[in-house]
Amino acid sequence: MIRRHSAAKGLALAAALGLGLAACSTSAEGSGGEGSDSAEPLVIGTILPITGTLAFLGPPEVAGVGLAVDDINEAGGVLGNDVSVEWGDSGDTTDLSVAGGTATDLIGKGVSAVVGAASSGVSLAVVDQFEEAGVMQISPANTATDLSGYGDFFARTAPPDTVQGAALGSQILDDGHLRVGFLVQNEAYGNGLRDNVQKAIESGGGEAVYGATGAGQEFAPGETNFGAQVTALLATQPDAIAIIAFEETVAIINELVAQGWSFSGTTYFCDGNLSNYGDQFDAGTLAGVKGTLPGAQADEEFQQRLNDWYSENESGTLNDYSYAAESYDATILAALAAVRGGATDGQTIADNIKAVSGAEGGTEVTTFAEGVEALENGDEIHYVGKAGIGPLNESNDPSSAFIGIYEYGDDNTYTYSRSVEGKA
């Protein structure tokens, strides 16, 4: 059982996080676990949001990694050894020193792969650091198009914003809106997703009346005062507003309420702010708001297993499951790549991760144990994970992915409506 002490409990700095043993091997490349006698135990690091504006995504992502490692170890581990985890905080783009410190610590302790970050802007700040150290980075939540094909040591289990942007733009058009205002945070994720939503809206005959690409109306990450932005946006008389932000969304909603905006059927969220807000707002405030989230809807059995793990290891309850499946799959893919290559170093994982995701075809497997069995039989494998993504393509992006459409009720929490499948 993998346990951790929550970094939220007083550990705001990455330097305070406990870090573990090195995981490197010089075993020759191979298949089916050759070289396992000399392989070091696989140690996976995490760089996930325990603090900062994306901290609401931390619990489900942590649970996804922890549950995956438990499943791997219950199936016999990687190349004969149990996998261990070194937990780290990514913070957010308002203070990149948190992520930088975590990356330095994880590299110094010799982890072979890291799961994270959640923020594309954070990953762009540390991805070169990991690659130079030969550490494979697998993000469960990065969607910025800037990261497509970034390098051999970066992959993701969430689709790029070309997929989510098309889905969100199409939903806005399907709801009959043609004059769309954007409130967008000024960093890689916000700008990239806005660009793709705007393209979809314009291709359908709509227009961006505020916050458009090149208009210079984005806000800085961490902004708390949105009076001027909301006043300027509403002056353009939009019939819909798309909010592309993180924790700043609470202040944005409060300002829109103060200025009389009607939310039902006119307001749209995305993965960065699709959260259960509950009593943070008056009942009914968000009723009718819609949002998108990459990934297939987690089934009830998987949700229960995630909750059980989080309750036992973190003494808490999960409020939602955003990117839990992608975090689980990222961890399983790293372990299967090590098994296929017969070693646990980052280069081996980088060399084999596409293949175990199904890029070479092969036997479909749905668990780590099934994957190991097929590899030991000399088969190529296609790991069909919890998130429902297609094999990694040449850019190390999922070749296909589902985007969930969700809608808020009177209790300011969201429920699943439907999914659409798109290709990267």
Protein backbone atom coordinates (compact mmCIF):
# COMPACT_ATOMS: atom_id res chain seq x y z
CA MET A 1 0.00 0.00 0.00
CA ILE A 2 1.42 3.36 -1.02
CA ARG A 3 0.91 6.02 1.64
CA ARG A 4 1.78 9.66 1.71
CA HIS A 5 1.41 12.52 4.13
CA SER A 6 -0.63 15.21 2.37
CA ALA A 7 1.47 18.17 1.31
CA ALA A 8 -1.60 20.28 1.96
CA LYS A 9 -1.06 19.62 5.65
CA GLY A 10 1.60 22.24 6.10
CA LEU A 11 3.94 21.31 3.26
CA ALA A 12 3.64 24.22 0.87
CA LEU A 13 7.16 24.01 -0.47
CA ALA A 14 8.44 21.21 -2.65
CA ALA A 15 11.67 21.18 -0.71
CA ALA A 16 9.79 19.88 2.29
CA LEU A 17 8.55 16.81 0.49
CA GLY A 18 10.18 13.46 1.22
CA LEU A 19 11.97 11.99 -1.74
CA GLY A 20 13.20 8.48 -2.41
CA LEU A 21 15.72 6.18 -3.95
CA ALA A 22 17.16 6.31 -7.42
CA ALA A 23 15.57 4.31 -10.21
CA CYS A 24 18.04 3.83 -12.99
CA SER A 25 19.33 0.88 -14.95
CA THR A 26 21.78 0.23 -17.72
CA SER A 27 20.01 -2.96 -18.83
CA ALA A 28 19.87 -3.51 -22.56
CA GLU A 29 16.70 -2.68 -24.45
CA GLY A 30 14.41 -5.61 -24.85
CA SER A 31 10.92 -6.94 -24.57
CA GLY A 32 9.02 -9.06 -22.11
CA GLY A 33 11.13 -8.11 -19.10
CA GLU A 34 14.61 -9.20 -20.20
CA GLY A 35 17.28 -7.77 -17.94
CA SER A 36 14.95 -7.82 -14.92
CA ASP A 37 17.61 -9.44 -12.73
CA SER A 38 19.65 -6.22 -12.81
CA ALA A 39 16.81 -3.67 -12.93
CA GLU A 40 16.57 -1.25 -10.04
CA PRO A 41 13.16 -0.70 -8.41
CA LEU A 42 11.05 1.79 -10.36
CA VAL A 43 10.48 5.04 -8.49
CA ILE A 44 7.87 7.40 -9.90
CA GLY A 45 7.74 11.04 -8.85
CA THR A 46 4.74 13.33 -8.95
CA ILE A 47 4.54 17.04 -9.67
CA LEU A 48 0.86 17.66 -9.00
CA PRO A 49 -1.04 20.69 -7.62
CA ILE A 50 -1.16 20.34 -3.85
CA THR A 51 -1.14 24.14 -3.48
CA GLY A 52 -2.10 27.01 -5.78
CA THR A 53 -4.97 27.85 -8.10
CA LEU A 54 -5.29 24.29 -9.39
CA ALA A 55 -5.19 22.61 -5.98
CA PHE A 56 -8.74 21.30 -6.48
CA LEU A 57 -7.30 18.96 -9.14
CA GLY A 58 -4.70 17.54 -6.76
CA PRO A 59 -6.80 14.99 -4.84
CA PRO A 60 -8.18 13.02 -7.82
CA GLU A 61 -4.80 13.05 -9.56
CA VAL A 62 -3.00 11.88 -6.42
CA ALA A 63 -5.60 9.14 -5.99
CA GLY A 64 -5.13 8.03 -9.61
CA VAL A 65 -1.37 7.63 -9.18
CA GLY A 66 -1.62 5.98 -5.79
CA LEU A 67 -4.27 3.48 -6.87
CA ALA A 68 -2.28 2.59 -9.99
CA VAL A 69 0.85 1.90 -7.97
CA ASP A 70 -1.12 -0.31 -5.58
CA ASP A 71 -2.50 -2.25 -8.56
CA ILE A 72 0.97 -2.60 -10.08
CA ASN A 73 2.45 -3.91 -6.85
CA GLU A 74 -0.44 -6.29 -6.23
CA ALA A 75 0.32 -7.74 -9.68
CA GLY A 76 3.95 -8.36 -8.76
CA GLY A 77 5.55 -4.98 -9.37
CA VAL A 78 7.89 -4.02 -12.22
CA LEU A 79 10.63 -6.47 -13.18
CA GLY A 80 10.34 -8.23 -9.83
CA ASN A 81 10.36 -5.18 -7.57
CA ASP A 82 7.66 -3.06 -5.99
CA VAL A 83 7.15 0.45 -7.39
CA SER A 84 7.35 3.38 -4.99
CA VAL A 85 6.21 7.00 -5.29
CA GLU A 86 7.85 10.26 -4.30
CA TRP A 87 5.11 12.90 -3.98
CA GLY A 88 5.75 16.47 -5.07
CA ASP A 89 3.87 19.77 -5.32
CA SER A 90 3.67 21.63 -8.62
CA GLY A 91 2.14 24.85 -7.30
CA ASP A 92 0.97 27.01 -10.20
CA THR A 93 2.19 29.65 -12.63
CA THR A 94 1.93 32.44 -10.06
CA ASP A 95 5.03 31.04 -8.34
CA LEU A 96 7.07 28.74 -10.57
CA SER A 97 9.73 28.34 -7.89
CA VAL A 98 7.54 25.65 -6.29
CA ALA A 99 7.62 23.48 -9.41
CA GLY A 100 11.28 24.24 -10.02
CA GLY A 101 12.17 23.16 -6.50
CA THR A 102 10.16 19.97 -6.82
CA ALA A 103 11.78 19.12 -10.15
CA THR A 104 15.25 19.67 -8.72
CA ASP A 105 14.50 17.46 -5.71
CA LEU A 106 13.00 14.65 -7.78
CA ILE A 107 15.89 14.67 -10.23
CA GLY A 108 18.37 14.73 -7.37
CA LYS A 109 16.80 11.59 -5.92
CA GLY A 110 16.95 9.80 -9.29
CA VAL A 111 13.29 9.17 -10.14
CA SER A 112 12.86 7.68 -13.61
CA ALA A 113 9.44 9.14 -14.47
CA VAL A 114 7.20 11.87 -13.12
CA VAL A 115 3.43 12.20 -13.40
CA GLY A 116 2.37 15.84 -13.84
CA ALA A 117 2.07 18.71 -14.04
CA ALA A 118 -1.60 19.66 -14.18
CA SER A 119 -0.90 23.17 -15.50
CA SER A 120 0.55 23.40 -18.99
CA GLY A 121 2.37 26.57 -17.98
CA VAL A 122 4.06 24.73 -15.11
CA SER A 123 5.11 21.88 -17.40
CA LEU A 124 6.60 24.31 -19.90
CA ALA A 125 8.70 25.70 -17.04
CA VAL A 126 10.17 22.32 -16.01
CA VAL A 127 9.96 20.04 -19.06
CA ASP A 128 13.48 20.91 -20.25
CA GLN A 129 14.84 20.31 -16.76
CA PHE A 130 13.40 16.81 -16.73
CA GLU A 131 14.54 15.99 -20.25
CA GLU A 132 18.10 17.11 -19.59
CA ALA A 133 18.15 14.74 -16.60
CA GLY A 134 16.73 11.86 -18.62
CA VAL A 135 13.49 11.73 -16.61
CA MET A 136 10.29 10.83 -18.47
CA GLN A 137 7.48 13.33 -17.78
CA ILE A 138 3.90 12.18 -18.36
CA SER A 139 1.19 14.76 -17.78
CA PRO A 140 -2.36 13.63 -17.01
CA ALA A 141 -3.85 17.08 -17.61
CA ASN A 142 -1.71 19.29 -19.87
CA THR A 143 -3.65 20.35 -22.95
CA ALA A 144 -1.67 23.28 -24.38
CA THR A 145 -0.82 22.79 -28.04
CA ASP A 146 2.67 24.17 -27.30
CA LEU A 147 3.49 20.80 -25.74
CA SER A 148 2.59 18.65 -28.76
CA GLY A 149 5.76 16.95 -29.93
CA TYR A 150 7.83 18.87 -27.41
CA GLY A 151 10.36 16.08 -27.00
CA ASP A 152 10.90 12.37 -26.47
CA PHE A 153 10.79 12.79 -22.70
CA PHE A 154 7.33 14.38 -22.56
CA ALA A 155 4.03 12.61 -23.17
CA ARG A 156 0.48 13.12 -21.97
CA THR A 157 -2.68 11.17 -21.39
CA ALA A 158 -4.93 14.22 -21.92
CA PRO A 159 -5.62 15.46 -25.47
CA PRO A 160 -4.33 18.79 -26.80
CA ASP A 161 -6.66 21.78 -26.84
CA THR A 162 -7.45 21.29 -30.50
CA VAL A 163 -9.82 18.54 -29.32
CA GLN A 164 -11.37 20.26 -26.29
CA GLY A 165 -11.53 23.60 -28.10
CA ALA A 166 -13.54 22.13 -30.95
CA ALA A 167 -15.92 20.42 -28.52
CA LEU A 168 -16.50 23.53 -26.40
CA GLY A 169 -16.91 25.78 -29.44
CA SER A 170 -19.38 23.37 -30.98
CA GLN A 171 -21.41 23.24 -27.75
CA ILE A 172 -21.64 27.03 -27.63
CA LEU A 173 -22.82 27.12 -31.26
CA ASP A 174 -25.25 24.25 -30.72
CA ASP A 175 -26.83 26.29 -27.92
CA GLY A 176 -27.53 29.08 -30.43
CA HIS A 177 -24.85 31.59 -29.41
CA LEU A 178 -22.95 33.65 -31.99
CA ARG A 179 -21.58 36.62 -29.96
CA VAL A 180 -19.12 35.14 -27.48
CA GLY A 181 -17.04 36.94 -24.88
CA PHE A 182 -13.94 35.33 -23.38
CA LEU A 183 -12.40 35.83 -19.95
CA VAL A 184 -8.99 34.21 -20.33
CA GLN A 185 -5.91 33.90 -18.16
CA ASN A 186 -2.75 34.99 -19.91
CA GLU A 187 -0.60 31.86 -20.13
CA ALA A 188 -0.11 28.90 -22.45
CA TYR A 189 -3.18 26.95 -21.38
CA GLY A 190 -5.61 29.86 -21.37
CA ASN A 191 -4.49 31.41 -24.62
CA GLY A 192 -4.21 28.10 -26.45
CA LEU A 193 -7.65 26.84 -25.45
CA ARG A 194 -9.25 30.23 -26.22
CA ASP A 195 -7.64 30.20 -29.67
CA ASN A 196 -9.15 26.82 -30.48
CA VAL A 197 -12.60 27.61 -29.08
CA GLN A 198 -12.59 30.84 -31.06
CA LYS A 199 -11.64 29.00 -34.26
CA ALA A 200 -14.56 26.63 -33.80
CA ILE A 201 -17.00 29.47 -33.15
CA GLU A 202 -15.81 31.50 -36.12
CA SER A 203 -15.96 28.49 -38.41
CA GLY A 204 -19.63 28.18 -37.43
CA GLY A 205 -20.43 31.80 -38.23
CA GLY A 206 -19.96 33.28 -34.76
CA GLU A 207 -17.57 35.94 -33.48
CA ALA A 208 -15.50 36.71 -30.41
CA VAL A 209 -16.70 40.09 -29.13
CA TYR A 210 -14.30 40.33 -26.17
CA GLY A 211 -11.08 38.57 -25.15
CA ALA A 212 -10.32 37.45 -28.70
CA THR A 213 -6.94 36.30 -29.96
CA GLY A 214 -4.67 39.32 -30.33
CA ALA A 215 -6.99 41.74 -28.52
CA GLY A 216 -4.75 41.93 -25.46
CA GLN A 217 -7.64 41.55 -22.99
CA GLU A 218 -6.40 38.51 -21.06
CA PHE A 219 -5.89 38.73 -17.29
CA ALA A 220 -2.83 37.74 -15.29
CA PRO A 221 -2.90 34.37 -13.46
CA GLY A 222 -3.86 34.95 -9.83
CA GLU A 223 -5.92 38.08 -10.57
CA THR A 224 -8.59 38.80 -7.94
CA ASN A 225 -10.31 41.99 -9.15
CA PHE A 226 -12.41 41.58 -12.29
CA GLY A 227 -14.59 44.69 -12.13
CA ALA A 228 -13.05 46.42 -15.12
CA GLN A 229 -12.85 43.27 -17.27
CA VAL A 230 -16.46 42.29 -16.64
CA THR A 231 -17.70 45.83 -17.28
CA ALA A 232 -15.82 45.96 -20.59
CA LEU A 233 -17.01 42.49 -21.60
CA LEU A 234 -20.69 43.14 -20.85
CA ALA A 235 -20.50 46.42 -22.79
CA THR A 236 -19.99 44.34 -25.97
CA GLN A 237 -23.39 42.67 -25.37
CA PRO A 238 -22.31 39.03 -25.66
CA ASP A 239 -24.95 36.33 -25.76
CA ALA A 240 -22.51 33.86 -24.16
CA ILE A 241 -19.38 33.98 -22.01
CA ALA A 242 -16.61 31.38 -21.93
CA ILE A 243 -14.44 31.50 -18.80
CA ILE A 244 -11.00 29.94 -19.23
CA ALA A 245 -9.36 30.17 -15.83
CA PHE A 246 -8.47 28.28 -12.68
CA GLU A 247 -9.28 29.36 -9.12
CA GLU A 248 -9.82 32.91 -10.39
CA THR A 249 -13.22 31.69 -11.57
CA VAL A 250 -14.75 32.27 -8.11
CA ALA A 251 -13.94 35.98 -8.23
CA ILE A 252 -15.13 36.17 -11.86
CA ILE A 253 -18.49 34.60 -11.01
CA ASN A 254 -18.98 36.93 -8.05
CA GLU A 255 -18.33 39.94 -10.27
CA LEU A 256 -20.66 38.70 -12.99
CA VAL A 257 -23.37 38.22 -10.35
CA ALA A 258 -22.77 41.75 -9.06
CA GLN A 259 -23.15 43.15 -12.56
CA GLY A 260 -26.35 41.26 -13.29
CA TRP A 261 -25.27 38.54 -15.73
CA SER A 262 -27.72 35.65 -16.13
CA PHE A 263 -25.78 32.38 -16.18
CA SER A 264 -28.26 29.72 -17.26
CA GLY A 265 -27.54 28.52 -20.77
CA THR A 266 -25.15 31.38 -21.45
CA THR A 267 -21.97 30.58 -19.52
CA TYR A 268 -19.31 27.97 -20.22
CA PHE A 269 -16.46 26.49 -18.20
CA CYS A 270 -13.58 24.22 -19.22
CA ASP A 271 -11.37 21.66 -17.51
CA GLY A 272 -9.43 24.31 -15.61
CA ASN A 273 -12.47 25.43 -13.64
CA LEU A 274 -14.97 22.57 -13.89
CA SER A 275 -15.35 21.98 -10.17
CA ASN A 276 -18.13 21.38 -7.66
CA TYR A 277 -18.57 24.81 -6.08
CA GLY A 278 -21.47 23.97 -3.77
CA ASP A 279 -22.12 26.69 -1.20
CA GLN A 280 -19.37 28.96 -2.49
CA PHE A 281 -22.25 30.64 -4.35
CA ASP A 282 -25.93 31.09 -3.58
CA ALA A 283 -28.06 28.11 -4.58
CA GLY A 284 -28.91 28.19 -8.27
CA THR A 285 -26.17 30.63 -9.27
CA LEU A 286 -24.55 28.19 -11.69
CA ALA A 287 -27.69 26.31 -12.75
CA GLY A 288 -27.51 25.75 -16.49
CA VAL A 289 -23.79 26.50 -16.84
CA LYS A 290 -22.05 23.96 -19.06
CA GLY A 291 -18.42 22.86 -19.20
CA THR A 292 -16.05 20.45 -20.88
CA LEU A 293 -13.56 17.99 -19.43
CA PRO A 294 -11.19 15.76 -21.42
CA GLY A 295 -11.46 12.06 -20.70
CA ALA A 296 -14.09 9.39 -20.49
CA GLN A 297 -16.48 9.47 -17.55
CA ALA A 298 -15.07 7.33 -14.73
CA ASP A 299 -17.39 4.42 -14.01
CA GLU A 300 -18.84 3.92 -10.53
CA GLU A 301 -16.54 1.03 -9.64
CA PHE A 302 -13.43 3.03 -10.51
CA GLN A 303 -14.74 6.06 -8.62
CA GLN A 304 -15.32 3.90 -5.55
CA ARG A 305 -11.81 2.45 -5.72
CA LEU A 306 -10.36 5.96 -6.00
CA ASN A 307 -12.43 7.10 -3.02
CA ASP A 308 -11.36 4.10 -0.98
CA TRP A 309 -7.68 4.76 -1.71
CA TYR A 310 -7.98 8.46 -0.89
CA SER A 311 -9.88 7.81 2.32
CA GLU A 312 -7.33 5.26 3.53
CA ASN A 313 -4.23 7.20 2.52
CA GLU A 314 -5.31 10.83 2.81
CA SER A 315 -8.16 10.61 5.32
CA GLY A 316 -10.35 12.58 2.95
CA THR A 317 -13.14 12.30 0.40
CA LEU A 318 -12.90 13.09 -3.29
CA ASN A 319 -15.24 15.85 -4.46
CA ASP A 320 -14.76 15.05 -8.14
CA TYR A 321 -12.67 12.85 -10.41
CA SER A 322 -11.10 15.27 -12.87
CA TYR A 323 -8.00 13.70 -14.44
CA ALA A 324 -7.97 10.76 -12.02
CA ALA A 325 -8.27 8.30 -14.92
CA GLU A 326 -5.52 10.07 -16.86
CA SER A 327 -3.23 9.99 -13.80
CA TYR A 328 -3.91 6.29 -13.34
CA ASP A 329 -3.16 5.58 -17.02
CA ALA A 330 0.03 7.67 -17.00
CA THR A 331 1.38 5.56 -14.13
CA ILE A 332 0.41 2.25 -15.74
CA LEU A 333 1.96 3.28 -19.08
CA ALA A 334 5.26 4.19 -17.40
CA ALA A 335 5.38 0.80 -15.65
CA LEU A 336 4.47 -1.16 -18.79
CA ALA A 337 7.11 0.75 -20.78
CA ALA A 338 9.73 -0.30 -18.24
CA VAL A 339 8.60 -3.92 -18.47
CA ARG A 340 8.70 -3.89 -22.27
CA GLY A 341 12.18 -2.37 -22.27
CA GLY A 342 13.52 -4.55 -19.48
CA ALA A 343 14.84 -1.63 -17.42
CA THR A 344 13.54 1.18 -15.22
CA ASP A 345 15.55 4.22 -16.38
CA GLY A 346 13.87 7.20 -18.01
CA GLN A 347 15.35 6.54 -21.44
CA THR A 348 13.88 3.04 -21.51
CA ILE A 349 10.46 4.37 -20.51
CA ALA A 350 10.66 7.07 -23.20
CA ASP A 351 11.70 4.50 -25.81
CA ASN A 352 8.81 2.14 -25.06
CA ILE A 353 5.84 4.25 -23.97
CA LYS A 354 4.36 4.68 -27.46
CA ALA A 355 4.52 0.94 -28.10
CA VAL A 356 2.70 -0.08 -24.92
CA SER A 357 0.03 2.56 -25.62
CA GLY A 358 -0.80 0.68 -28.81
CA ALA A 359 1.25 2.54 -31.41
CA GLU A 360 2.56 -0.82 -32.71
CA GLY A 361 -0.83 -2.50 -32.52
CA GLY A 362 -0.91 -5.74 -30.57
CA THR A 363 -3.04 -7.39 -27.94
CA GLU A 364 -5.54 -5.16 -26.18
CA VAL A 365 -5.05 -5.20 -22.41
CA THR A 366 -6.98 -3.31 -19.75
CA THR A 367 -4.81 -3.92 -16.68
CA PHE A 368 -1.13 -3.87 -15.79
CA ALA A 369 -1.23 -7.60 -15.05
CA GLU A 370 -2.69 -8.40 -18.48
CA GLY A 371 -0.04 -6.22 -20.11
CA VAL A 372 2.83 -7.96 -18.35
CA GLU A 373 1.47 -11.38 -19.28
CA ALA A 374 1.20 -10.43 -22.95
CA LEU A 375 4.67 -8.89 -23.00
CA GLU A 376 6.16 -11.98 -21.38
CA ASN A 377 4.52 -14.01 -24.15
CA GLY A 378 6.36 -11.89 -26.71
CA ASP A 379 3.32 -9.90 -27.85
CA GLU A 380 3.05 -6.20 -28.55
CA ILE A 381 0.31 -4.61 -26.46
CA HIS A 382 -2.28 -1.85 -26.66
CA TYR A 383 -3.10 -0.68 -23.14
CA VAL A 384 -6.73 0.45 -23.20
CA GLY A 385 -6.88 2.56 -20.07
CA LYS A 386 -9.47 4.18 -17.86
CA ALA A 387 -9.45 7.48 -19.79
CA GLY A 388 -10.38 5.92 -23.13
CA ILE A 389 -7.60 7.56 -25.15
CA GLY A 390 -6.17 6.18 -28.36
CA PRO A 391 -2.50 5.17 -28.79
CA LEU A 392 0.11 7.91 -28.46
CA ASN A 393 0.96 9.45 -31.82
CA GLU A 394 4.28 10.79 -33.09
CA SER A 395 3.79 13.92 -30.97
CA ASN A 396 3.30 11.79 -27.84
CA ASP A 397 -0.32 13.02 -27.73
CA PRO A 398 -3.32 10.70 -27.52
CA SER A 399 -4.38 10.00 -31.10
CA SER A 400 -8.01 10.20 -30.00
CA ALA A 401 -9.86 11.12 -26.84
CA PHE A 402 -13.27 11.69 -25.38
CA ILE A 403 -14.44 15.10 -24.19
CA GLY A 404 -17.17 15.04 -21.55
CA ILE A 405 -19.93 17.65 -21.57
CA TYR A 406 -21.23 18.53 -18.10
CA GLU A 407 -24.00 20.78 -16.74
CA TYR A 408 -24.47 22.47 -13.36
CA GLY A 409 -27.60 22.14 -11.24
CA ASP A 410 -29.16 24.29 -8.53
CA ASP A 411 -26.64 22.99 -5.99
CA ASN A 412 -23.73 24.47 -8.03
CA THR A 413 -22.30 21.05 -8.73
CA TYR A 414 -21.98 19.47 -12.14
CA THR A 415 -23.25 16.22 -13.58
CA TYR A 416 -22.31 14.30 -16.69
CA SER A 417 -24.40 14.93 -19.79
CA ARG A 418 -22.67 13.23 -22.72
CA SER A 419 -19.32 12.63 -24.42
CA VAL A 420 -17.96 13.46 -27.83
CA GLU A 421 -14.91 11.79 -29.35
CA GLY A 422 -12.29 13.77 -31.20
CA LYS A 423 -8.92 13.13 -32.81
CA ALA A 424 -5.71 15.02 -32.13
